[in-house]
């Protein structure tokens, strides 16, 4: 992808940058509006305010999922998509947004019984449900939320040969089903999420040799506390034009510094759900402290430093930010304006070298 600076007659508070989604002709904003708190931590009115402001600032890329809102529960399943659909209906502006959503992976009992979700019947039911909730007849980027097979995602390391592994839908079958949706005009492009080099390579190769829909993006975690994407996935992203949509760039808020010194801010995600420990181990806390000091020494907030680092990576197509308050959203969007110097990057890399990816 490449940067485009978009200047329009209406002055933005910040000038947004855009990059190419895969090898398509779609230009998506470098900042993507994440939505998973809507319907749980945020009301519909909150969400409308966030979408209005983001669009005003040049953010044209929204990401959601049938599974949302988070923390996933049966009574909030699909709530976020419904909110977005209501906004489209009220504003009559669907064509202004590049919309990404996701079909859930397996093992969530309240989603079609929790079985394999990428077989045609469940896949089709998922898509039709999302289209209805979103009040649209197409989704620009439809993503597989997590793999059906047992592999490394959601912080799991050390692949095992799972002898007890259940059957999972073959890659080719998934792409053949996706082709039907593309041909019907219900989705424009296919994306992956929480995927590995093995999975991504298989999808790309099958697309090339079988003339099936091509994967255009991968939505995986990436932040100062989790740079594992750089090891195997980044090369594929660059060589095959399948860029990263980075999620958790602030490590569930840890990299904002608001949890420093054992603080538990009222209403914050890790205060509400203290069993979310992926980003709060001792190594992560130590690394976060060092990154916060780098930011302070150079006149940035910890949030600005953390997001700007993600924004500058060649393999990143868009950085998915999520905010529960408007001041957070404004700071997140502002990060698209920031360019970190080589000196700052070197300091960040020194910390990383001594404490690499403490929260994979």
Protein backbone atom coordinates (compact mmCIF):
# COMPACT_ATOMS: atom_id res chain seq x y z
CA UNK A 1 0.00 0.00 0.00
CA UNK A 2 0.96 3.63 -0.20
CA UNK A 3 -0.01 6.86 1.46
CA UNK A 4 -2.36 9.41 -0.02
CA UNK A 5 -3.02 12.70 1.70
CA UNK A 6 -6.65 13.65 1.14
CA UNK A 7 -7.48 17.36 1.29
CA UNK A 8 -11.09 18.39 0.98
CA UNK A 9 -12.87 21.72 1.13
CA UNK A 10 -14.13 21.16 4.67
CA UNK A 11 -11.13 21.57 6.99
CA UNK A 12 -10.31 18.57 9.15
CA UNK A 13 -8.88 18.92 12.63
CA UNK A 14 -6.28 16.40 11.41
CA UNK A 15 -5.35 15.37 7.88
CA UNK A 16 -5.96 11.68 7.37
CA UNK A 17 -3.67 9.38 5.40
CA UNK A 18 -4.93 6.55 3.22
CA UNK A 19 -3.49 3.24 2.04
CA UNK A 20 -4.53 0.66 -0.54
CA UNK A 21 -6.44 -2.38 0.70
CA UNK A 22 -4.62 -5.39 -0.74
CA UNK A 23 -4.46 -5.17 -4.52
CA UNK A 24 -7.90 -3.56 -4.77
CA UNK A 25 -8.75 -0.03 -5.79
CA UNK A 26 -10.08 0.77 -2.31
CA UNK A 27 -8.32 3.50 -0.35
CA UNK A 28 -8.84 2.95 3.38
CA UNK A 29 -7.94 5.42 6.09
CA UNK A 30 -4.77 4.68 8.05
CA UNK A 31 -6.94 4.86 11.16
CA UNK A 32 -9.80 2.35 11.23
CA UNK A 33 -12.66 2.87 13.68
CA UNK A 34 -13.01 -0.19 15.89
CA UNK A 35 -16.48 -0.74 17.31
CA UNK A 36 -16.45 -3.67 19.72
CA UNK A 37 -17.41 -1.65 22.83
CA UNK A 38 -20.67 -0.41 21.31
CA UNK A 39 -23.61 -2.07 22.97
CA UNK A 40 -21.60 -2.92 26.10
CA UNK A 41 -19.37 -0.10 27.33
CA UNK A 42 -20.88 2.44 24.92
CA UNK A 43 -24.47 3.36 24.14
CA UNK A 44 -25.90 3.87 20.67
CA UNK A 45 -25.70 7.65 21.18
CA UNK A 46 -22.01 7.30 22.06
CA UNK A 47 -21.42 5.25 18.94
CA UNK A 48 -23.25 7.73 16.70
CA UNK A 49 -21.06 10.53 18.07
CA UNK A 50 -17.91 8.50 17.41
CA UNK A 51 -18.94 7.63 13.86
CA UNK A 52 -19.95 11.22 13.07
CA UNK A 53 -16.65 12.62 14.34
CA UNK A 54 -14.52 9.93 12.69
CA UNK A 55 -16.11 10.48 9.31
CA UNK A 56 -15.63 14.25 9.69
CA UNK A 57 -11.92 13.60 10.29
CA UNK A 58 -11.52 11.50 7.14
CA UNK A 59 -11.86 8.04 8.70
CA UNK A 60 -13.69 6.03 6.04
CA UNK A 61 -12.98 2.51 7.37
CA UNK A 62 -15.11 0.90 10.11
CA UNK A 63 -14.53 -2.59 11.53
CA UNK A 64 -17.10 -4.72 13.32
CA UNK A 65 -18.14 -8.38 13.75
CA UNK A 66 -21.23 -10.45 14.35
CA UNK A 67 -19.67 -11.52 17.69
CA UNK A 68 -19.62 -7.94 19.04
CA UNK A 69 -20.13 -6.33 21.44
CA UNK A 70 -17.30 -7.49 23.67
CA UNK A 71 -17.03 -9.13 26.14
CA UNK A 72 -19.03 -11.59 24.06
CA UNK A 73 -22.34 -12.67 25.56
CA UNK A 74 -25.50 -14.19 24.17
CA UNK A 75 -27.58 -11.12 24.99
CA UNK A 76 -25.16 -8.70 23.26
CA UNK A 77 -24.45 -10.85 20.20
CA UNK A 78 -24.93 -8.68 17.08
CA UNK A 79 -25.55 -5.51 19.11
CA UNK A 80 -22.72 -3.53 17.52
CA UNK A 81 -23.80 -4.31 13.96
CA UNK A 82 -27.34 -3.19 14.82
CA UNK A 83 -26.02 0.16 16.05
CA UNK A 84 -24.03 0.71 12.85
CA UNK A 85 -27.06 -0.26 10.78
CA UNK A 86 -29.19 2.29 12.62
CA UNK A 87 -26.56 4.95 11.91
CA UNK A 88 -26.55 4.11 8.19
CA UNK A 89 -30.34 4.35 8.14
CA UNK A 90 -30.40 7.70 9.93
CA UNK A 91 -27.53 9.29 7.99
CA UNK A 92 -28.20 7.64 4.61
CA UNK A 93 -24.44 7.52 4.00
CA UNK A 94 -23.55 3.85 3.51
CA UNK A 95 -21.54 4.68 0.37
CA UNK A 96 -19.12 6.86 2.38
CA UNK A 97 -17.88 3.96 4.52
CA UNK A 98 -15.67 1.00 3.69
CA UNK A 99 -17.25 -1.52 6.02
CA UNK A 100 -15.54 -4.59 7.45
CA UNK A 101 -17.28 -7.30 9.46
CA UNK A 102 -16.52 -10.88 10.47
CA UNK A 103 -18.06 -14.31 10.65
CA UNK A 104 -17.36 -15.88 14.05
CA UNK A 105 -15.17 -18.93 14.39
CA UNK A 106 -16.24 -22.11 16.22
CA UNK A 107 -16.87 -22.95 19.88
CA UNK A 108 -19.27 -20.13 20.82
CA UNK A 109 -22.40 -22.06 21.78
CA UNK A 110 -24.87 -19.23 21.20
CA UNK A 111 -23.64 -18.68 17.63
CA UNK A 112 -25.32 -21.32 15.47
CA UNK A 113 -24.67 -24.02 18.06
CA UNK A 114 -20.92 -23.44 18.25
CA UNK A 115 -19.88 -25.87 15.50
CA UNK A 116 -17.94 -25.26 12.32
CA UNK A 117 -18.90 -21.81 11.07
CA UNK A 118 -17.16 -21.69 7.69
CA UNK A 119 -19.17 -24.47 6.07
CA UNK A 120 -21.58 -23.04 3.52
CA UNK A 121 -24.80 -23.26 5.57
CA UNK A 122 -23.44 -21.49 8.65
CA UNK A 123 -21.29 -19.13 6.59
CA UNK A 124 -24.34 -18.04 4.59
CA UNK A 125 -26.51 -17.66 7.70
CA UNK A 126 -23.82 -15.52 9.34
CA UNK A 127 -23.53 -13.22 6.34
CA UNK A 128 -27.28 -12.81 5.93
CA UNK A 129 -27.62 -11.97 9.63
CA UNK A 130 -24.90 -9.33 9.43
CA UNK A 131 -26.39 -7.75 6.31
CA UNK A 132 -29.77 -7.50 8.01
CA UNK A 133 -28.38 -5.99 11.22
CA UNK A 134 -26.17 -3.58 9.29
CA UNK A 135 -29.09 -2.57 7.05
CA UNK A 136 -27.00 -2.90 3.92
CA UNK A 137 -26.92 -5.24 0.94
CA UNK A 138 -23.12 -5.64 0.84
CA UNK A 139 -20.05 -5.75 3.08
CA UNK A 140 -16.80 -4.42 1.64
CA UNK A 141 -14.46 -6.70 3.60
CA UNK A 142 -15.78 -9.91 5.15
CA UNK A 143 -13.31 -11.58 7.51
CA UNK A 144 -12.99 -14.98 9.18
CA UNK A 145 -12.79 -13.94 12.84
CA UNK A 146 -10.61 -16.84 14.03
CA UNK A 147 -9.59 -20.19 12.51
CA UNK A 148 -11.59 -23.38 12.91
CA UNK A 149 -8.45 -25.46 13.19
CA UNK A 150 -6.40 -25.64 16.38
CA UNK A 151 -3.46 -23.30 15.97
CA UNK A 152 -1.74 -20.34 17.59
CA UNK A 153 -4.02 -17.35 18.17
CA UNK A 154 -5.40 -15.31 21.09
CA UNK A 155 -1.98 -15.41 22.78
CA UNK A 156 -1.25 -19.11 22.35
CA UNK A 157 2.36 -19.99 21.52
CA UNK A 158 4.09 -23.26 20.72
CA UNK A 159 2.16 -25.18 18.05
CA UNK A 160 1.26 -28.73 18.98
CA UNK A 161 0.27 -31.65 16.79
CA UNK A 162 -3.28 -31.86 18.05
CA UNK A 163 -4.17 -35.53 17.70
CA UNK A 164 -7.62 -34.86 19.14
CA UNK A 165 -8.30 -32.09 16.62
CA UNK A 166 -11.80 -32.14 15.17
CA UNK A 167 -12.56 -31.80 11.49
CA UNK A 168 -12.34 -28.29 10.07
CA UNK A 169 -13.55 -26.78 6.82
CA UNK A 170 -10.90 -27.05 4.06
CA UNK A 171 -9.42 -23.77 2.84
CA UNK A 172 -10.58 -24.43 -0.72
CA UNK A 173 -14.17 -25.02 0.39
CA UNK A 174 -14.16 -21.75 2.32
CA UNK A 175 -12.93 -19.85 -0.74
CA UNK A 176 -15.50 -21.53 -2.97
CA UNK A 177 -18.27 -20.42 -0.61
CA UNK A 178 -16.83 -16.89 -0.48
CA UNK A 179 -16.84 -16.83 -4.31
CA UNK A 180 -20.60 -17.43 -4.29
CA UNK A 181 -21.05 -14.43 -2.00
CA UNK A 182 -18.79 -12.27 -4.18
CA UNK A 183 -20.66 -13.32 -7.32
CA UNK A 184 -23.95 -12.45 -5.58
CA UNK A 185 -22.58 -8.99 -4.74
CA UNK A 186 -23.00 -9.54 -0.99
CA UNK A 187 -19.30 -9.15 -0.20
CA UNK A 188 -16.62 -7.37 -2.17
CA UNK A 189 -13.46 -8.81 -0.65
CA UNK A 190 -12.34 -11.48 1.81
CA UNK A 191 -10.09 -11.00 4.84
CA UNK A 192 -8.64 -13.14 7.62
CA UNK A 193 -8.19 -12.55 11.32
CA UNK A 194 -6.05 -14.17 14.03
CA UNK A 195 -4.30 -16.11 11.28
CA UNK A 196 -0.86 -17.72 10.95
CA UNK A 197 1.69 -17.87 8.09
CA UNK A 198 0.52 -21.42 7.31
CA UNK A 199 -3.08 -20.37 6.93
CA UNK A 200 -2.41 -17.16 5.03
CA UNK A 201 -0.05 -18.92 2.58
CA UNK A 202 -2.59 -21.65 1.86
CA UNK A 203 -5.36 -19.15 1.15
CA UNK A 204 -3.12 -17.12 -1.17
CA UNK A 205 -1.86 -20.16 -3.09
CA UNK A 206 -5.35 -21.58 -3.58
CA UNK A 207 -6.60 -18.21 -4.80
CA UNK A 208 -3.80 -18.06 -7.35
CA UNK A 209 -4.13 -21.61 -8.67
CA UNK A 210 -7.90 -22.10 -8.45
CA UNK A 211 -9.05 -18.61 -9.52
CA UNK A 212 -10.86 -18.11 -6.22
CA UNK A 213 -11.34 -14.89 -4.20
CA UNK A 214 -8.09 -13.46 -2.93
CA UNK A 215 -7.51 -12.57 0.70
CA UNK A 216 -6.89 -8.82 0.93
CA UNK A 217 -5.97 -8.32 4.59
CA UNK A 218 -5.18 -9.98 7.89
CA UNK A 219 -6.50 -8.59 11.17
CA UNK A 220 -4.06 -9.68 13.88
CA UNK A 221 -2.82 -8.13 17.12
CA UNK A 222 0.14 -5.78 16.79
CA UNK A 223 1.55 -3.30 19.28
CA UNK A 224 4.71 -2.34 21.16
CA UNK A 225 3.93 -5.27 23.49
CA UNK A 226 3.24 -7.75 20.70
CA UNK A 227 5.45 -7.57 17.62
CA UNK A 228 5.17 -11.25 16.71
CA UNK A 229 3.57 -10.29 13.36
CA UNK A 230 6.99 -9.09 12.25
CA UNK A 231 8.48 -12.59 12.45
CA UNK A 232 6.62 -14.54 9.78
CA UNK A 233 3.57 -12.62 8.63
CA UNK A 234 5.08 -9.27 7.67
CA UNK A 235 7.02 -10.64 4.71
CA UNK A 236 3.88 -12.19 3.24
CA UNK A 237 1.98 -8.94 3.81
CA UNK A 238 4.53 -6.95 1.82
CA UNK A 239 5.38 -9.44 -0.94
CA UNK A 240 1.79 -10.54 -1.59
CA UNK A 241 0.00 -7.25 -0.83
CA UNK A 242 -2.05 -8.63 2.07
CA UNK A 243 -1.61 -5.89 4.64
CA UNK A 244 -2.17 -6.01 8.37
CA UNK A 245 -5.20 -4.47 10.01
CA UNK A 246 -3.64 -4.07 13.43
CA UNK A 247 -5.89 -4.70 16.40
CA UNK A 248 -5.14 -3.98 20.06
CA UNK A 249 -2.49 -1.38 19.11
CA UNK A 250 -2.79 -0.01 22.65
CA UNK A 251 -2.83 -3.47 24.26
CA UNK A 252 -6.33 -3.05 25.71
CA UNK A 253 -5.35 0.39 26.98
CA UNK A 254 -2.22 -0.74 28.83
CA UNK A 255 0.01 1.28 26.48
CA UNK A 256 -1.85 4.49 27.26
CA UNK A 257 -0.17 4.36 30.66
CA UNK A 258 -3.47 4.62 32.53
CA UNK A 259 -2.80 1.42 34.47
CA UNK A 260 0.68 2.50 35.61
CA UNK A 261 1.50 2.14 39.30
CA UNK A 262 -1.27 -0.47 39.70
CA UNK A 263 -4.03 2.04 38.94
CA UNK A 264 -7.49 0.73 38.09
CA UNK A 265 -9.39 3.61 36.43
CA UNK A 266 -13.14 3.45 36.89
CA UNK A 267 -14.94 2.10 33.84
CA UNK A 268 -11.73 1.02 32.07
CA UNK A 269 -11.82 -2.34 30.31
CA UNK A 270 -9.21 -4.07 32.46
CA UNK A 271 -10.87 -2.71 35.56
CA UNK A 272 -14.22 -4.15 34.54
CA UNK A 273 -12.78 -7.46 33.32
CA UNK A 274 -9.80 -8.17 35.53
CA UNK A 275 -9.50 -11.69 34.08
CA UNK A 276 -8.12 -10.17 30.86
CA UNK A 277 -4.47 -10.66 31.73
CA UNK A 278 -2.86 -10.95 28.29
CA UNK A 279 -1.23 -7.53 28.51
CA UNK A 280 -0.71 -7.21 32.26
CA UNK A 281 2.02 -9.72 33.05
CA UNK A 282 5.16 -8.47 34.79
CA UNK A 283 7.24 -8.25 31.61
CA UNK A 284 4.52 -6.21 29.90
CA UNK A 285 4.27 -3.85 32.85
CA UNK A 286 8.04 -3.32 32.82
CA UNK A 287 8.15 -2.73 29.07
CA UNK A 288 5.18 -0.35 29.21
CA UNK A 289 6.94 1.74 31.84
CA UNK A 290 9.96 2.11 29.56
CA UNK A 291 7.83 3.02 26.55
CA UNK A 292 5.96 5.62 28.60
CA UNK A 293 9.27 7.21 29.59
CA UNK A 294 10.40 7.35 25.96
CA UNK A 295 7.17 9.15 25.10
CA UNK A 296 7.57 11.62 27.96
CA UNK A 297 11.19 12.35 27.02
CA UNK A 298 10.16 13.27 23.48
CA UNK A 299 7.02 15.25 24.27
CA UNK A 300 4.44 12.67 23.27
CA UNK A 301 1.74 10.93 25.21
CA UNK A 302 2.16 7.18 25.57
CA UNK A 303 -0.89 6.75 23.33
CA UNK A 304 0.59 8.90 20.57
CA UNK A 305 3.91 7.03 20.66
CA UNK A 306 2.27 3.61 20.63
CA UNK A 307 -0.13 4.32 17.78
CA UNK A 308 2.40 6.23 15.69
CA UNK A 309 4.77 3.26 15.89
CA UNK A 310 2.09 0.98 14.44
CA UNK A 311 1.10 3.54 11.79
CA UNK A 312 4.66 3.70 10.42
CA UNK A 313 5.06 0.01 9.65
CA UNK A 314 5.20 -0.79 5.92
CA UNK A 315 3.14 -3.96 6.36
CA UNK A 316 0.29 -2.16 8.13
CA UNK A 317 -2.66 -1.15 5.98
CA UNK A 318 -4.78 0.30 8.78
CA UNK A 319 -4.58 0.69 12.55
CA UNK A 320 -7.81 -0.28 14.33
CA UNK A 321 -8.42 2.03 17.25
CA UNK A 322 -11.18 1.71 19.82
CA UNK A 323 -12.34 4.35 22.27
CA UNK A 324 -15.01 4.59 24.91
CA UNK A 325 -14.68 8.37 25.34
CA UNK A 326 -14.47 11.16 22.77
CA UNK A 327 -11.19 12.58 24.08
CA UNK A 328 -9.64 9.13 23.56
CA UNK A 329 -11.01 8.96 20.02
CA UNK A 330 -9.60 12.38 19.14
CA UNK A 331 -6.15 11.48 20.47
CA UNK A 332 -6.21 8.19 18.57
CA UNK A 333 -7.11 9.80 15.27
CA UNK A 334 -4.50 12.52 15.80
CA UNK A 335 -1.79 9.84 15.77
CA UNK A 336 -2.04 9.67 11.97
CA UNK A 337 -0.31 13.09 11.94
CA UNK A 338 2.72 11.93 13.93
CA UNK A 339 6.01 10.75 12.46
CA UNK A 340 8.46 9.18 14.89
CA UNK A 341 12.13 9.99 14.30
CA UNK A 342 14.84 7.38 13.80
CA UNK A 343 16.14 8.26 17.25
CA UNK A 344 12.81 7.39 18.86
CA UNK A 345 12.45 4.19 16.83
CA UNK A 346 15.95 3.17 17.91
CA UNK A 347 15.03 3.72 21.56
CA UNK A 348 11.86 1.66 21.11
CA UNK A 349 13.84 -1.14 19.47
CA UNK A 350 16.35 -1.15 22.34
CA UNK A 351 13.53 -1.83 24.79
CA UNK A 352 12.10 -4.47 22.48
CA UNK A 353 15.45 -6.22 22.10
CA UNK A 354 15.76 -6.61 25.85
CA UNK A 355 12.11 -7.61 26.36
CA UNK A 356 10.70 -8.85 23.04
CA UNK A 357 6.91 -9.16 22.62
CA UNK A 358 6.04 -9.74 26.30
CA UNK A 359 2.34 -10.08 25.46
CA UNK A 360 2.02 -12.22 22.31
